[in-house]
């Protein structure tokens, strides 16, 4: 048995309570693959910093896209250099199936604090939902998914380029409005086609919000988090989490790499990342919903994030392994049926 592969997050409680000292890990460097910007900053403040102070180890961040990290894990499968990696909702299950990352340890103390059903492939790091941004002058509130098919706004719907979580979520919603789901792409694409050609294939929030503010775009399926933070600058643009069906779950995951060089440090870092303190910082500063049910939020952060049992229960979870298996065919179909190319 490979003892490195059997180390779990459960060991952290002992390690951080005093058994781990600077002498234990001095000279070791933990490599964490993640995104840059505020995510890196918060992880440095709330996970890397405390870990370095406690153990004497160093934490090195490898910044970039999650697809790059997936490629790196495949290339280094026999001799990985990353210890911890952050992946998105559909990459984590594939990484687990291919033996690249370790499954969450259900016996660990932190696991019982995380929202049930969220740890598919790796540990759930943050929760956001696909909802609807809209022009308040053009759309009546409260806003539901079916409102995008109102003839009054046909041709005024902006969409993210496909492939994307936004596009997959829209297909899943469209199928459900017709009594089906994402396993029925004929129904899904036919329903999306009824929206008319997109008013904009947006690549930046500023781009779509400018047209929405001008009244040229009425609505757009968008992922909360950064969107809600950006909307503070736009008085006449709102964002809604629909209820029928609910918002499509999109989440980031934190994973321990199989046979990584520093499994003990990796487990410690993951528990710090999932701690109520880090989760609170994610919610307050990024408006990413916490996955740790013990995180305590301000009233404003609570209003802007998914953070209660009822809200978590309302999330629509797609069959992501199936969706990813269809990405190639659906990309071609999206270009033809939705964009008319």
Protein backbone atom coordinates (compact mmCIF):
# COMPACT_ATOMS: atom_id res chain seq x y z
CA UNK A 1 0.00 0.00 0.00
CA UNK A 2 1.24 3.49 -0.82
CA UNK A 3 1.17 5.31 2.53
CA UNK A 4 1.20 8.67 0.76
CA UNK A 5 -2.06 7.92 -1.02
CA UNK A 6 -3.76 6.97 2.23
CA UNK A 7 -3.08 10.25 4.04
CA UNK A 8 -6.38 12.07 4.45
CA UNK A 9 -7.61 15.45 5.55
CA UNK A 10 -8.61 13.76 8.79
CA UNK A 11 -4.99 13.96 9.88
CA UNK A 12 -5.03 17.74 9.96
CA UNK A 13 -6.71 18.10 13.31
CA UNK A 14 -3.77 16.30 14.91
CA UNK A 15 -1.19 18.08 12.77
CA UNK A 16 -2.37 21.60 13.46
CA UNK A 17 -3.11 20.94 17.12
CA UNK A 18 0.58 20.67 17.94
CA UNK A 19 2.02 17.44 16.56
CA UNK A 20 3.28 19.26 13.48
CA UNK A 21 6.12 21.67 14.12
CA UNK A 22 8.34 23.78 11.93
CA UNK A 23 10.99 21.08 12.19
CA UNK A 24 8.64 18.51 10.66
CA UNK A 25 8.24 20.28 7.31
CA UNK A 26 11.00 22.88 7.11
CA UNK A 27 12.53 22.85 3.64
CA UNK A 28 9.46 21.32 1.98
CA UNK A 29 7.46 23.19 -0.66
CA UNK A 30 3.78 22.54 -1.25
CA UNK A 31 2.67 23.24 -4.84
CA UNK A 32 -0.93 24.41 -5.23
CA UNK A 33 -2.49 24.91 -8.66
CA UNK A 34 -5.22 27.55 -8.71
CA UNK A 35 -6.57 30.66 -10.36
CA UNK A 36 -4.99 34.06 -9.84
CA UNK A 37 -6.38 37.41 -8.70
CA UNK A 38 -8.50 37.57 -5.57
CA UNK A 39 -8.71 33.79 -5.29
CA UNK A 40 -4.95 33.52 -4.98
CA UNK A 41 -4.88 36.42 -2.52
CA UNK A 42 -7.49 34.90 -0.23
CA UNK A 43 -5.83 31.49 -0.31
CA UNK A 44 -2.51 33.08 0.61
CA UNK A 45 -4.08 34.94 3.52
CA UNK A 46 -6.26 32.20 4.95
CA UNK A 47 -4.61 28.90 3.97
CA UNK A 48 -1.02 29.27 2.77
CA UNK A 49 0.05 31.82 5.38
CA UNK A 50 -1.21 29.93 8.42
CA UNK A 51 0.23 26.67 7.04
CA UNK A 52 3.66 28.20 6.50
CA UNK A 53 3.67 29.75 9.95
CA UNK A 54 2.69 26.51 11.65
CA UNK A 55 4.88 24.04 9.76
CA UNK A 56 7.87 25.95 8.42
CA UNK A 57 7.05 24.73 4.91
CA UNK A 58 6.63 26.99 1.89
CA UNK A 59 3.57 27.17 -0.36
CA UNK A 60 4.10 27.84 -4.06
CA UNK A 61 1.11 28.76 -6.22
CA UNK A 62 0.95 27.57 -9.80
CA UNK A 63 -1.46 30.00 -11.46
CA UNK A 64 -3.48 29.49 -14.63
CA UNK A 65 -6.60 27.86 -16.04
CA UNK A 66 -8.09 24.64 -14.75
CA UNK A 67 -7.67 22.99 -18.14
CA UNK A 68 -3.92 23.57 -17.91
CA UNK A 69 -3.88 21.89 -14.52
CA UNK A 70 -5.78 18.90 -15.86
CA UNK A 71 -3.28 18.54 -18.69
CA UNK A 72 -0.40 18.80 -16.23
CA UNK A 73 -1.83 16.03 -14.04
CA UNK A 74 -2.23 13.71 -17.02
CA UNK A 75 1.31 14.44 -18.20
CA UNK A 76 2.77 13.90 -14.72
CA UNK A 77 0.54 11.05 -13.59
CA UNK A 78 3.46 8.76 -12.74
CA UNK A 79 5.45 11.51 -11.00
CA UNK A 80 3.26 14.50 -10.06
CA UNK A 81 4.74 17.83 -9.01
CA UNK A 82 1.46 19.43 -7.87
CA UNK A 83 0.13 18.55 -4.44
CA UNK A 84 -3.22 20.35 -4.51
CA UNK A 85 -5.28 21.47 -7.48
CA UNK A 86 -8.44 23.53 -7.85
CA UNK A 87 -10.75 22.30 -10.62
CA UNK A 88 -14.26 23.09 -11.77
CA UNK A 89 -17.43 21.10 -11.28
CA UNK A 90 -17.09 18.86 -14.32
CA UNK A 91 -13.31 18.31 -14.27
CA UNK A 92 -13.11 16.94 -10.73
CA UNK A 93 -15.18 13.77 -11.32
CA UNK A 94 -13.14 13.01 -14.45
CA UNK A 95 -9.88 13.54 -12.56
CA UNK A 96 -11.06 11.12 -9.88
CA UNK A 97 -12.20 8.53 -12.42
CA UNK A 98 -8.80 8.69 -14.13
CA UNK A 99 -6.89 8.24 -10.89
CA UNK A 100 -5.41 11.73 -10.80
CA UNK A 101 -6.90 12.92 -7.50
CA UNK A 102 -8.02 11.38 -4.23
CA UNK A 103 -11.66 10.99 -3.28
CA UNK A 104 -12.88 13.07 -0.33
CA UNK A 105 -12.48 11.33 3.01
CA UNK A 106 -15.96 11.00 4.44
CA UNK A 107 -14.53 10.18 7.87
CA UNK A 108 -12.60 13.43 8.15
CA UNK A 109 -13.87 16.07 10.60
CA UNK A 110 -14.23 18.71 7.89
CA UNK A 111 -16.38 16.50 5.66
CA UNK A 112 -19.35 16.54 8.01
CA UNK A 113 -19.35 20.36 7.95
CA UNK A 114 -19.69 20.56 4.16
CA UNK A 115 -23.05 20.74 2.43
CA UNK A 116 -24.33 17.26 1.64
CA UNK A 117 -24.07 16.06 -1.95
CA UNK A 118 -21.55 18.68 -3.04
CA UNK A 119 -18.31 16.66 -2.92
CA UNK A 120 -18.47 14.92 -6.30
CA UNK A 121 -14.92 13.97 -7.25
CA UNK A 122 -13.17 16.33 -4.83
CA UNK A 123 -14.09 18.63 -1.96
CA UNK A 124 -16.49 21.44 -2.85
CA UNK A 125 -14.70 24.78 -2.39
CA UNK A 126 -17.35 27.32 -3.37
CA UNK A 127 -20.93 27.39 -4.61
CA UNK A 128 -22.32 29.66 -7.28
CA UNK A 129 -25.43 29.34 -9.39
CA UNK A 130 -26.38 30.02 -12.98
CA UNK A 131 -29.11 32.64 -12.79
CA UNK A 132 -30.37 35.55 -14.88
CA UNK A 133 -29.01 39.07 -15.20
CA UNK A 134 -31.68 41.42 -16.55
CA UNK A 135 -32.60 45.01 -17.39
CA UNK A 136 -35.03 46.13 -14.70
CA UNK A 137 -36.85 48.42 -17.13
CA UNK A 138 -37.54 45.61 -19.62
CA UNK A 139 -38.25 42.64 -17.36
CA UNK A 140 -40.83 42.30 -14.62
CA UNK A 141 -39.77 40.90 -11.26
CA UNK A 142 -39.59 38.25 -9.89
CA UNK A 143 -37.71 36.71 -12.81
CA UNK A 144 -38.01 33.06 -13.82
CA UNK A 145 -36.34 31.03 -16.57
CA UNK A 146 -39.52 30.95 -18.64
CA UNK A 147 -39.40 34.76 -18.89
CA UNK A 148 -36.52 34.51 -21.33
CA UNK A 149 -38.96 32.98 -23.80
CA UNK A 150 -41.37 35.92 -23.60
CA UNK A 151 -41.97 37.09 -27.21
CA UNK A 152 -41.37 40.67 -26.05
CA UNK A 153 -37.65 39.93 -25.51
CA UNK A 154 -37.04 37.53 -28.39
CA UNK A 155 -33.65 38.24 -29.93
CA UNK A 156 -32.64 40.27 -26.86
CA UNK A 157 -30.97 37.45 -24.93
CA UNK A 158 -27.17 37.51 -24.55
CA UNK A 159 -25.28 34.23 -24.19
CA UNK A 160 -21.79 33.12 -23.30
CA UNK A 161 -19.82 31.40 -26.08
CA UNK A 162 -20.11 27.63 -26.15
CA UNK A 163 -18.67 25.37 -24.78
CA UNK A 164 -19.25 26.86 -21.34
CA UNK A 165 -20.95 26.10 -18.05
CA UNK A 166 -23.43 28.85 -18.93
CA UNK A 167 -24.36 27.16 -22.20
CA UNK A 168 -24.64 23.71 -20.64
CA UNK A 169 -26.79 25.14 -17.87
CA UNK A 170 -29.08 26.86 -20.34
CA UNK A 171 -29.55 23.62 -22.26
CA UNK A 172 -30.38 21.79 -19.02
CA UNK A 173 -32.91 24.45 -18.05
CA UNK A 174 -34.47 24.57 -21.52
CA UNK A 175 -35.03 20.81 -21.52
CA UNK A 176 -36.61 20.91 -18.06
CA UNK A 177 -39.03 23.62 -19.12
CA UNK A 178 -40.28 21.07 -21.63
CA UNK A 179 -40.50 18.28 -19.06
CA UNK A 180 -37.19 16.63 -19.95
CA UNK A 181 -33.51 17.10 -19.02
CA UNK A 182 -30.01 17.34 -20.48
CA UNK A 183 -30.13 13.72 -21.64
CA UNK A 184 -32.61 14.86 -24.30
CA UNK A 185 -30.54 17.25 -26.45
CA UNK A 186 -33.13 17.39 -29.24
CA UNK A 187 -35.65 18.97 -26.88
CA UNK A 188 -33.00 21.19 -25.26
CA UNK A 189 -31.65 22.62 -28.52
CA UNK A 190 -35.12 23.10 -30.00
CA UNK A 191 -36.14 25.12 -26.93
CA UNK A 192 -32.98 27.27 -26.96
CA UNK A 193 -33.46 27.90 -30.67
CA UNK A 194 -36.83 29.50 -29.85
CA UNK A 195 -34.94 32.35 -28.14
CA UNK A 196 -33.75 33.57 -31.52
CA UNK A 197 -30.19 34.44 -32.42
CA UNK A 198 -28.27 35.79 -29.41
CA UNK A 199 -28.18 39.56 -29.15
CA UNK A 200 -24.56 39.16 -28.08
CA UNK A 201 -22.07 36.37 -27.50
CA UNK A 202 -20.38 38.06 -24.58
CA UNK A 203 -16.80 37.51 -23.53
CA UNK A 204 -16.66 40.08 -20.72
CA UNK A 205 -19.08 41.38 -18.12
CA UNK A 206 -18.47 45.01 -19.08
CA UNK A 207 -19.41 44.19 -22.66
CA UNK A 208 -22.77 42.65 -21.90
CA UNK A 209 -23.69 45.03 -19.09
CA UNK A 210 -23.11 48.05 -21.33
CA UNK A 211 -25.60 46.72 -23.88
CA UNK A 212 -28.00 45.66 -21.15
CA UNK A 213 -27.82 49.12 -19.61
CA UNK A 214 -28.60 50.60 -23.04
CA UNK A 215 -31.66 48.38 -23.44
CA UNK A 216 -30.28 46.34 -26.33
CA UNK A 217 -30.00 43.22 -24.18
CA UNK A 218 -32.90 42.30 -21.91
CA UNK A 219 -31.57 39.19 -20.17
CA UNK A 220 -28.54 36.91 -20.00
CA UNK A 221 -27.90 33.60 -18.22
CA UNK A 222 -24.93 34.28 -15.94
CA UNK A 223 -23.05 32.69 -13.07
CA UNK A 224 -23.31 34.51 -9.75
CA UNK A 225 -20.26 35.58 -7.79
CA UNK A 226 -18.23 37.94 -9.91
CA UNK A 227 -21.46 38.98 -11.65
CA UNK A 228 -23.11 40.07 -8.42
CA UNK A 229 -20.01 41.99 -7.41
CA UNK A 230 -19.89 43.76 -10.78
CA UNK A 231 -23.58 44.68 -10.66
CA UNK A 232 -22.97 47.02 -7.74
CA UNK A 233 -21.98 49.54 -10.44
CA UNK A 234 -25.20 49.19 -12.49
CA UNK A 235 -28.37 50.50 -10.85
CA UNK A 236 -30.82 49.34 -13.52
CA UNK A 237 -29.46 45.80 -13.89
CA UNK A 238 -30.62 43.04 -11.56
CA UNK A 239 -29.74 39.41 -10.99
CA UNK A 240 -32.16 36.64 -10.06
CA UNK A 241 -31.88 33.06 -8.87
CA UNK A 242 -34.94 31.46 -10.54
CA UNK A 243 -37.02 28.90 -8.68
CA UNK A 244 -38.64 26.85 -11.49
CA UNK A 245 -36.27 25.15 -11.95
CA UNK A 246 -33.75 26.52 -9.48
CA UNK A 247 -30.34 27.97 -10.32
CA UNK A 248 -27.95 25.55 -12.01
CA UNK A 249 -25.20 24.55 -9.58
CA UNK A 250 -21.70 25.55 -10.61
CA UNK A 251 -18.91 24.98 -8.12
CA UNK A 252 -15.15 24.99 -7.75
CA UNK A 253 -13.47 21.97 -6.20
CA UNK A 254 -10.24 21.48 -4.27
CA UNK A 255 -8.45 18.19 -4.82
CA UNK A 256 -5.49 16.34 -3.34
CA UNK A 257 -3.31 14.94 -6.13
CA UNK A 258 -2.61 11.20 -5.97
CA UNK A 259 0.99 10.35 -5.03
CA UNK A 260 1.93 14.01 -4.67
CA UNK A 261 5.30 14.84 -3.07
CA UNK A 262 3.80 16.31 0.12
CA UNK A 263 0.59 14.49 1.04
CA UNK A 264 0.56 15.61 4.69
CA UNK A 265 0.92 19.27 3.77
CA UNK A 266 -1.67 18.86 1.02
CA UNK A 267 -4.21 17.53 3.52
CA UNK A 268 -3.47 20.41 5.90
CA UNK A 269 -3.85 23.01 3.16
CA UNK A 270 -7.18 21.57 2.01
CA UNK A 271 -8.63 21.68 5.50
CA UNK A 272 -7.55 25.30 5.89
CA UNK A 273 -9.12 26.13 2.51
CA UNK A 274 -12.38 24.54 3.63
CA UNK A 275 -12.37 26.16 7.07
CA UNK A 276 -15.20 28.51 8.06
CA UNK A 277 -12.73 31.42 8.04
CA UNK A 278 -11.62 30.91 4.44
CA UNK A 279 -15.15 30.18 3.32
CA UNK A 280 -16.38 33.36 4.98
CA UNK A 281 -13.71 35.39 3.18
CA UNK A 282 -14.74 33.87 -0.17
CA UNK A 283 -18.35 34.85 0.51
CA UNK A 284 -17.71 38.34 1.82
CA UNK A 285 -15.16 39.38 -0.81
CA UNK A 286 -15.97 37.28 -3.90
CA UNK A 287 -19.65 36.54 -3.26
CA UNK A 288 -18.92 32.83 -3.71
CA UNK A 289 -21.26 30.77 -1.56
CA UNK A 290 -19.59 28.83 1.25
CA UNK A 291 -19.50 25.05 1.21
CA UNK A 292 -18.83 24.88 4.94
CA UNK A 293 -22.16 25.09 6.74
CA UNK A 294 -20.47 26.62 9.79
CA UNK A 295 -19.35 29.76 7.95
CA UNK A 296 -21.00 32.86 9.46
CA UNK A 297 -21.78 35.62 6.96
CA UNK A 298 -22.81 39.24 7.13
CA UNK A 299 -26.39 40.05 6.17
CA UNK A 300 -25.27 41.43 2.80
CA UNK A 301 -23.10 38.44 1.91
CA UNK A 302 -25.86 36.07 3.01
CA UNK A 303 -28.31 37.85 0.71
CA UNK A 304 -25.95 37.65 -2.28
CA UNK A 305 -24.79 34.05 -1.94
CA UNK A 306 -26.14 30.52 -1.78
CA UNK A 307 -25.66 29.68 1.88
CA UNK A 308 -28.72 28.14 3.52
CA UNK A 309 -29.92 24.51 3.46
CA UNK A 310 -33.00 25.57 1.48
CA UNK A 311 -30.92 27.40 -1.13
CA UNK A 312 -28.48 24.53 -1.46
CA UNK A 313 -31.40 22.11 -1.86
CA UNK A 314 -32.89 24.27 -4.61
CA UNK A 315 -29.80 24.00 -6.83
CA UNK A 316 -30.24 22.16 -10.10
CA UNK A 317 -27.43 19.62 -10.55
CA UNK A 318 -26.69 18.51 -14.08
CA UNK A 319 -25.25 15.13 -15.02
CA UNK A 320 -21.85 16.66 -15.72
CA UNK A 321 -20.03 13.46 -16.80
CA UNK A 322 -22.72 12.97 -19.45
CA UNK A 323 -22.63 16.63 -20.47
CA UNK A 324 -18.86 16.57 -20.91
CA UNK A 325 -19.08 13.40 -22.99
CA UNK A 326 -21.36 15.32 -25.37
CA UNK A 327 -19.29 18.53 -25.54
CA UNK A 328 -17.86 17.92 -29.02
CA UNK A 329 -21.22 17.09 -30.61
CA UNK A 330 -23.01 19.85 -28.73
CA UNK A 331 -20.43 22.46 -29.76
CA UNK A 332 -21.06 21.69 -33.40
CA UNK A 333 -24.81 21.68 -32.81
CA UNK A 334 -24.70 24.97 -30.86
CA UNK A 335 -22.87 26.69 -33.70
CA UNK A 336 -25.39 25.38 -36.22
CA UNK A 337 -28.70 25.46 -34.34
CA UNK A 338 -28.22 28.40 -31.96
CA UNK A 339 -25.79 30.65 -33.82
CA UNK A 340 -26.84 29.66 -37.33
CA UNK A 341 -23.28 29.15 -38.50
